Amino acid sequence: MLKTQVLSRSDDEIRARVEVTDALKQPLGLVHGGVFATLADQLTSTATDKAISSQTSFLRPITDGHVNATARRRHSGRTTAVWEVDITDDEGRLCALVRITLATWTAAGTRS
């Protein structure tokens, strides 16, 4: 589990960040792509139940500072919700884009 610091939260947007440590880096010294996907999943799953699909586009590496994320709800339907997450570095440069589709039903089959 990442040590995520939530900076702000509303029904349709969540902002958070994670401090870059050596434990989050791959052998080349870049923050591992799995950190981006995990952070996006943490943010979006706090608002909805289960991930159906997740797609991450990696645009540039992060090597120090913080991994910053802003998750925005783009669709909220009867059975699914779609979130888009911007991953940025401390300079505000876009480093990854994540789109996650989530189921909005609980295991018991009732709406959450």
N, C-alpha and C. Protein backbone atom coordinates (compact mmCIF):
# COMPACT_ATOMS: atom_id res chain seq x y z
N MET A 1 0.85 -1.18 0.00
CA MET A 1 0.00 0.00 0.00
C MET A 1 0.89 1.25 0.00
N LEU A 2 0.54 2.19 -0.85
CA LEU A 2 1.29 3.44 -0.91
C LEU A 2 0.93 4.35 0.25
N LYS A 3 1.87 5.17 0.68
CA LYS A 3 1.59 6.19 1.70
C LYS A 3 1.05 7.41 0.97
N THR A 4 -0.24 7.39 0.74
CA THR A 4 -0.91 8.42 -0.05
C THR A 4 -1.39 9.55 0.84
N GLN A 5 -1.09 10.78 0.43
CA GLN A 5 -1.58 11.96 1.14
C GLN A 5 -2.69 12.58 0.29
N VAL A 6 -3.93 12.51 0.77
CA VAL A 6 -5.07 13.10 0.06
C VAL A 6 -5.04 14.60 0.32
N LEU A 7 -5.03 15.38 -0.76
CA LEU A 7 -4.95 16.83 -0.66
C LEU A 7 -6.32 17.49 -0.68
N SER A 8 -7.25 16.92 -1.46
CA SER A 8 -8.63 17.43 -1.50
C SER A 8 -9.53 16.35 -2.07
N ARG A 9 -10.83 16.47 -1.76
CA ARG A 9 -11.78 15.46 -2.22
C ARG A 9 -13.17 16.07 -2.35
N SER A 10 -13.82 15.78 -3.47
CA SER A 10 -15.24 16.11 -3.66
C SER A 10 -15.89 14.89 -4.31
N ASP A 11 -17.17 14.98 -4.64
CA ASP A 11 -17.84 13.84 -5.26
C ASP A 11 -17.24 13.49 -6.61
N ASP A 12 -16.71 14.46 -7.32
CA ASP A 12 -16.25 14.23 -8.69
C ASP A 12 -14.75 14.43 -8.90
N GLU A 13 -14.00 14.73 -7.84
CA GLU A 13 -12.56 14.92 -8.00
C GLU A 13 -11.83 14.62 -6.70
N ILE A 14 -10.71 13.93 -6.83
CA ILE A 14 -9.84 13.62 -5.69
C ILE A 14 -8.42 13.97 -6.09
N ARG A 15 -7.70 14.71 -5.21
CA ARG A 15 -6.30 15.05 -5.46
C ARG A 15 -5.46 14.43 -4.35
N ALA A 16 -4.33 13.83 -4.74
CA ALA A 16 -3.45 13.20 -3.76
C ALA A 16 -2.03 13.18 -4.29
N ARG A 17 -1.10 12.84 -3.39
CA ARG A 17 0.28 12.70 -3.82
C ARG A 17 0.98 11.64 -2.97
N VAL A 18 2.10 11.15 -3.51
CA VAL A 18 2.93 10.15 -2.85
C VAL A 18 4.37 10.64 -2.95
N GLU A 19 5.08 10.62 -1.84
CA GLU A 19 6.49 11.03 -1.87
C GLU A 19 7.32 9.95 -2.57
N VAL A 20 8.21 10.38 -3.44
CA VAL A 20 9.08 9.45 -4.15
C VAL A 20 10.19 8.98 -3.20
N THR A 21 10.30 7.67 -3.05
CA THR A 21 11.37 7.06 -2.26
C THR A 21 12.05 6.01 -3.13
N ASP A 22 13.22 5.54 -2.70
CA ASP A 22 13.92 4.51 -3.46
C ASP A 22 13.07 3.24 -3.61
N ALA A 23 12.23 2.96 -2.63
CA ALA A 23 11.39 1.76 -2.69
C ALA A 23 10.39 1.82 -3.85
N LEU A 24 10.09 3.01 -4.35
CA LEU A 24 9.12 3.16 -5.44
C LEU A 24 9.79 3.20 -6.81
N LYS A 25 11.11 3.12 -6.85
CA LYS A 25 11.84 3.24 -8.12
C LYS A 25 12.22 1.88 -8.69
N GLN A 26 12.23 1.81 -10.02
CA GLN A 26 12.74 0.62 -10.69
C GLN A 26 14.25 0.76 -10.86
N PRO A 27 14.96 -0.25 -11.36
CA PRO A 27 16.42 -0.22 -11.40
C PRO A 27 17.04 0.98 -12.12
N LEU A 28 16.35 1.61 -13.06
CA LEU A 28 16.90 2.77 -13.75
C LEU A 28 16.71 4.07 -12.98
N GLY A 29 16.09 4.00 -11.78
CA GLY A 29 15.91 5.19 -10.95
C GLY A 29 14.62 5.94 -11.21
N LEU A 30 13.77 5.41 -12.06
CA LEU A 30 12.48 6.04 -12.36
C LEU A 30 11.40 5.45 -11.46
N VAL A 31 10.40 6.27 -11.12
CA VAL A 31 9.27 5.72 -10.36
C VAL A 31 8.62 4.64 -11.21
N HIS A 32 8.41 3.49 -10.62
CA HIS A 32 7.84 2.33 -11.31
C HIS A 32 6.43 2.67 -11.79
N GLY A 33 6.10 2.25 -13.00
CA GLY A 33 4.78 2.50 -13.57
C GLY A 33 3.64 1.95 -12.73
N GLY A 34 3.91 0.89 -11.99
CA GLY A 34 2.89 0.33 -11.13
C GLY A 34 2.45 1.28 -10.03
N VAL A 35 3.34 2.20 -9.64
CA VAL A 35 2.98 3.21 -8.64
C VAL A 35 1.89 4.11 -9.19
N PHE A 36 2.02 4.51 -10.47
CA PHE A 36 1.01 5.36 -11.09
C PHE A 36 -0.35 4.66 -11.10
N ALA A 37 -0.34 3.40 -11.55
CA ALA A 37 -1.59 2.64 -11.63
C ALA A 37 -2.19 2.39 -10.25
N THR A 38 -1.34 2.10 -9.26
CA THR A 38 -1.84 1.86 -7.90
C THR A 38 -2.44 3.12 -7.30
N LEU A 39 -1.77 4.25 -7.49
CA LEU A 39 -2.29 5.51 -6.97
C LEU A 39 -3.63 5.84 -7.62
N ALA A 40 -3.73 5.68 -8.92
CA ALA A 40 -5.00 5.93 -9.62
C ALA A 40 -6.10 5.01 -9.10
N ASP A 41 -5.77 3.74 -8.91
CA ASP A 41 -6.75 2.78 -8.40
C ASP A 41 -7.18 3.13 -6.99
N GLN A 42 -6.24 3.52 -6.13
CA GLN A 42 -6.59 3.91 -4.76
C GLN A 42 -7.58 5.07 -4.76
N LEU A 43 -7.30 6.09 -5.57
CA LEU A 43 -8.15 7.27 -5.58
C LEU A 43 -9.55 6.95 -6.08
N THR A 44 -9.64 6.25 -7.19
CA THR A 44 -10.95 6.01 -7.79
C THR A 44 -11.75 4.96 -7.03
N SER A 45 -11.10 3.98 -6.44
CA SER A 45 -11.85 2.95 -5.72
C SER A 45 -12.37 3.44 -4.38
N THR A 46 -11.89 4.58 -3.88
CA THR A 46 -12.46 5.13 -2.66
C THR A 46 -13.87 5.66 -2.92
N ALA A 47 -14.18 5.92 -4.17
CA ALA A 47 -15.49 6.48 -4.51
C ALA A 47 -16.42 5.45 -5.15
N THR A 48 -15.90 4.36 -5.63
CA THR A 48 -16.69 3.37 -6.34
C THR A 48 -16.21 1.98 -5.94
N ASP A 49 -16.94 0.95 -6.33
CA ASP A 49 -16.67 -0.39 -5.80
C ASP A 49 -15.51 -1.16 -6.42
N LYS A 50 -15.62 -1.62 -7.66
CA LYS A 50 -14.65 -2.55 -8.21
C LYS A 50 -14.18 -2.11 -9.58
N ALA A 51 -12.88 -2.22 -9.81
CA ALA A 51 -12.33 -1.87 -11.12
C ALA A 51 -12.69 -2.95 -12.14
N ILE A 52 -13.20 -2.51 -13.28
CA ILE A 52 -13.49 -3.41 -14.39
C ILE A 52 -12.33 -3.37 -15.38
N SER A 53 -11.84 -2.16 -15.64
CA SER A 53 -10.71 -2.03 -16.55
C SER A 53 -9.87 -0.82 -16.15
N SER A 54 -8.60 -0.89 -16.51
CA SER A 54 -7.68 0.20 -16.23
C SER A 54 -6.67 0.27 -17.36
N GLN A 55 -6.46 1.48 -17.88
CA GLN A 55 -5.49 1.67 -18.95
C GLN A 55 -4.62 2.86 -18.59
N THR A 56 -3.29 2.66 -18.61
CA THR A 56 -2.35 3.71 -18.27
C THR A 56 -1.47 4.02 -19.48
N SER A 57 -1.36 5.31 -19.80
CA SER A 57 -0.44 5.77 -20.84
C SER A 57 0.69 6.51 -20.14
N PHE A 58 1.91 6.02 -20.29
CA PHE A 58 3.08 6.63 -19.66
C PHE A 58 3.68 7.66 -20.61
N LEU A 59 3.84 8.90 -20.14
CA LEU A 59 4.30 9.98 -20.98
C LEU A 59 5.71 10.47 -20.66
N ARG A 60 6.08 10.48 -19.39
CA ARG A 60 7.43 10.91 -18.98
C ARG A 60 7.72 10.35 -17.60
N PRO A 61 8.98 10.14 -17.26
CA PRO A 61 9.31 9.55 -15.96
C PRO A 61 9.29 10.57 -14.83
N ILE A 62 9.18 10.05 -13.63
CA ILE A 62 9.36 10.84 -12.40
C ILE A 62 10.51 10.17 -11.66
N THR A 63 11.47 10.98 -11.20
CA THR A 63 12.64 10.42 -10.50
C THR A 63 12.80 10.90 -9.07
N ASP A 64 12.11 12.01 -8.71
CA ASP A 64 12.21 12.51 -7.34
C ASP A 64 11.01 13.39 -7.04
N GLY A 65 10.96 13.91 -5.82
CA GLY A 65 9.85 14.76 -5.42
C GLY A 65 8.62 13.95 -5.05
N HIS A 66 7.50 14.24 -5.71
CA HIS A 66 6.24 13.55 -5.44
C HIS A 66 5.59 13.09 -6.74
N VAL A 67 4.82 12.03 -6.64
CA VAL A 67 3.92 11.61 -7.70
C VAL A 67 2.58 12.22 -7.33
N ASN A 68 2.08 13.16 -8.13
CA ASN A 68 0.83 13.86 -7.85
C ASN A 68 -0.27 13.32 -8.74
N ALA A 69 -1.45 13.18 -8.20
CA ALA A 69 -2.56 12.63 -8.99
C ALA A 69 -3.83 13.43 -8.76
N THR A 70 -4.55 13.64 -9.84
CA THR A 70 -5.89 14.23 -9.78
C THR A 70 -6.82 13.29 -10.52
N ALA A 71 -7.79 12.74 -9.80
CA ALA A 71 -8.78 11.83 -10.39
C ALA A 71 -10.08 12.58 -10.57
N ARG A 72 -10.62 12.52 -11.79
CA ARG A 72 -11.89 13.20 -12.09
C ARG A 72 -12.90 12.20 -12.61
N ARG A 73 -14.09 12.22 -12.01
CA ARG A 73 -15.16 11.36 -12.48
C ARG A 73 -15.68 11.93 -13.80
N ARG A 74 -15.67 11.10 -14.85
CA ARG A 74 -16.12 11.55 -16.18
C ARG A 74 -17.49 11.01 -16.53
N HIS A 75 -17.91 9.95 -15.85
CA HIS A 75 -19.22 9.35 -16.12
C HIS A 75 -19.67 8.64 -14.85
N SER A 76 -20.93 8.79 -14.53
CA SER A 76 -21.50 8.07 -13.40
C SER A 76 -22.85 7.52 -13.84
N GLY A 77 -22.87 6.26 -14.22
CA GLY A 77 -24.08 5.63 -14.71
C GLY A 77 -24.71 4.71 -13.69
N ARG A 78 -25.69 3.96 -14.14
CA ARG A 78 -26.43 3.06 -13.26
C ARG A 78 -25.55 1.91 -12.77
N THR A 79 -24.66 1.40 -13.63
CA THR A 79 -23.85 0.25 -13.24
C THR A 79 -22.34 0.49 -13.31
N THR A 80 -21.93 1.59 -13.93
CA THR A 80 -20.49 1.87 -14.03
C THR A 80 -20.19 3.34 -13.80
N ALA A 81 -18.94 3.59 -13.45
CA ALA A 81 -18.41 4.94 -13.36
C ALA A 81 -17.07 4.94 -14.09
N VAL A 82 -16.78 6.03 -14.78
CA VAL A 82 -15.50 6.17 -15.47
C VAL A 82 -14.75 7.35 -14.87
N TRP A 83 -13.49 7.10 -14.52
CA TRP A 83 -12.63 8.13 -13.95
C TRP A 83 -11.42 8.29 -14.84
N GLU A 84 -10.92 9.51 -14.96
CA GLU A 84 -9.65 9.80 -15.61
C GLU A 84 -8.73 10.40 -14.56
N VAL A 85 -7.48 9.93 -14.55
CA VAL A 85 -6.52 10.36 -13.55
C VAL A 85 -5.30 10.94 -14.26
N ASP A 86 -4.96 12.18 -13.93
CA ASP A 86 -3.73 12.81 -14.42
C ASP A 86 -2.65 12.61 -13.37
N ILE A 87 -1.52 12.04 -13.78
CA ILE A 87 -0.36 11.87 -12.91
C ILE A 87 0.66 12.92 -13.33
N THR A 88 1.09 13.77 -12.39
CA THR A 88 2.05 14.83 -12.70
C THR A 88 3.23 14.80 -11.73
N ASP A 89 4.32 15.47 -12.14
CA ASP A 89 5.44 15.63 -11.23
C ASP A 89 5.26 16.95 -10.48
N ASP A 90 6.23 17.31 -9.64
CA ASP A 90 6.11 18.53 -8.84
C ASP A 90 6.14 19.81 -9.67
N GLU A 91 6.60 19.71 -10.92
CA GLU A 91 6.60 20.88 -11.81
C GLU A 91 5.29 20.99 -12.58
N GLY A 92 4.36 20.07 -12.31
CA GLY A 92 3.06 20.10 -12.98
C GLY A 92 3.07 19.49 -14.37
N ARG A 93 4.16 18.82 -14.74
CA ARG A 93 4.24 18.18 -16.05
C ARG A 93 3.47 16.87 -16.04
N LEU A 94 2.67 16.64 -17.08
CA LEU A 94 1.88 15.43 -17.20
C LEU A 94 2.81 14.25 -17.46
N CYS A 95 2.76 13.24 -16.60
CA CYS A 95 3.65 12.08 -16.69
C CYS A 95 2.92 10.81 -17.08
N ALA A 96 1.63 10.73 -16.77
CA ALA A 96 0.84 9.56 -17.15
C ALA A 96 -0.64 9.93 -17.14
N LEU A 97 -1.38 9.25 -17.98
CA LEU A 97 -2.84 9.36 -18.01
C LEU A 97 -3.42 7.99 -17.71
N VAL A 98 -4.39 7.93 -16.81
CA VAL A 98 -5.00 6.66 -16.45
C VAL A 98 -6.51 6.80 -16.60
N ARG A 99 -7.15 5.82 -17.24
CA ARG A 99 -8.61 5.77 -17.33
C ARG A 99 -9.05 4.46 -16.68
N ILE A 100 -9.95 4.58 -15.70
CA ILE A 100 -10.43 3.41 -14.98
C ILE A 100 -11.95 3.37 -15.04
N THR A 101 -12.47 2.20 -15.41
CA THR A 101 -13.91 1.95 -15.39
C THR A 101 -14.21 1.08 -14.19
N LEU A 102 -15.19 1.48 -13.39
CA LEU A 102 -15.52 0.77 -12.16
C LEU A 102 -16.98 0.35 -12.13
N ALA A 103 -17.24 -0.78 -11.50
CA ALA A 103 -18.61 -1.23 -11.26
C ALA A 103 -19.16 -0.48 -10.06
N THR A 104 -20.43 -0.09 -10.13
CA THR A 104 -21.02 0.65 -9.02
C THR A 104 -22.00 -0.19 -8.22
N TRP A 105 -21.91 -1.50 -8.36
CA TRP A 105 -22.78 -2.42 -7.62
C TRP A 105 -21.98 -3.13 -6.56
N THR A 106 -22.59 -3.40 -5.41
CA THR A 106 -21.91 -4.13 -4.35
C THR A 106 -22.00 -5.62 -4.63
N ALA A 107 -21.29 -6.42 -3.85
CA ALA A 107 -21.28 -7.86 -4.04
C ALA A 107 -22.66 -8.47 -3.85
N ALA A 108 -23.48 -7.85 -3.03
CA ALA A 108 -24.84 -8.34 -2.79
C ALA A 108 -25.79 -7.99 -3.92
N GLY A 109 -25.31 -7.21 -4.90
CA GLY A 109 -26.16 -6.87 -6.03
C GLY A 109 -26.99 -5.61 -5.83
N THR A 110 -26.78 -4.90 -4.75
CA THR A 110 -27.51 -3.67 -4.52
C THR A 110 -26.65 -2.49 -4.88
N ARG A 111 -27.25 -1.41 -5.25
CA ARG A 111 -26.49 -0.22 -5.66
C ARG A 111 -25.76 0.35 -4.47
N SER A 112 -24.50 0.73 -4.68
CA SER A 112 -23.73 1.33 -3.59
C SER A 112 -23.99 2.80 -3.49
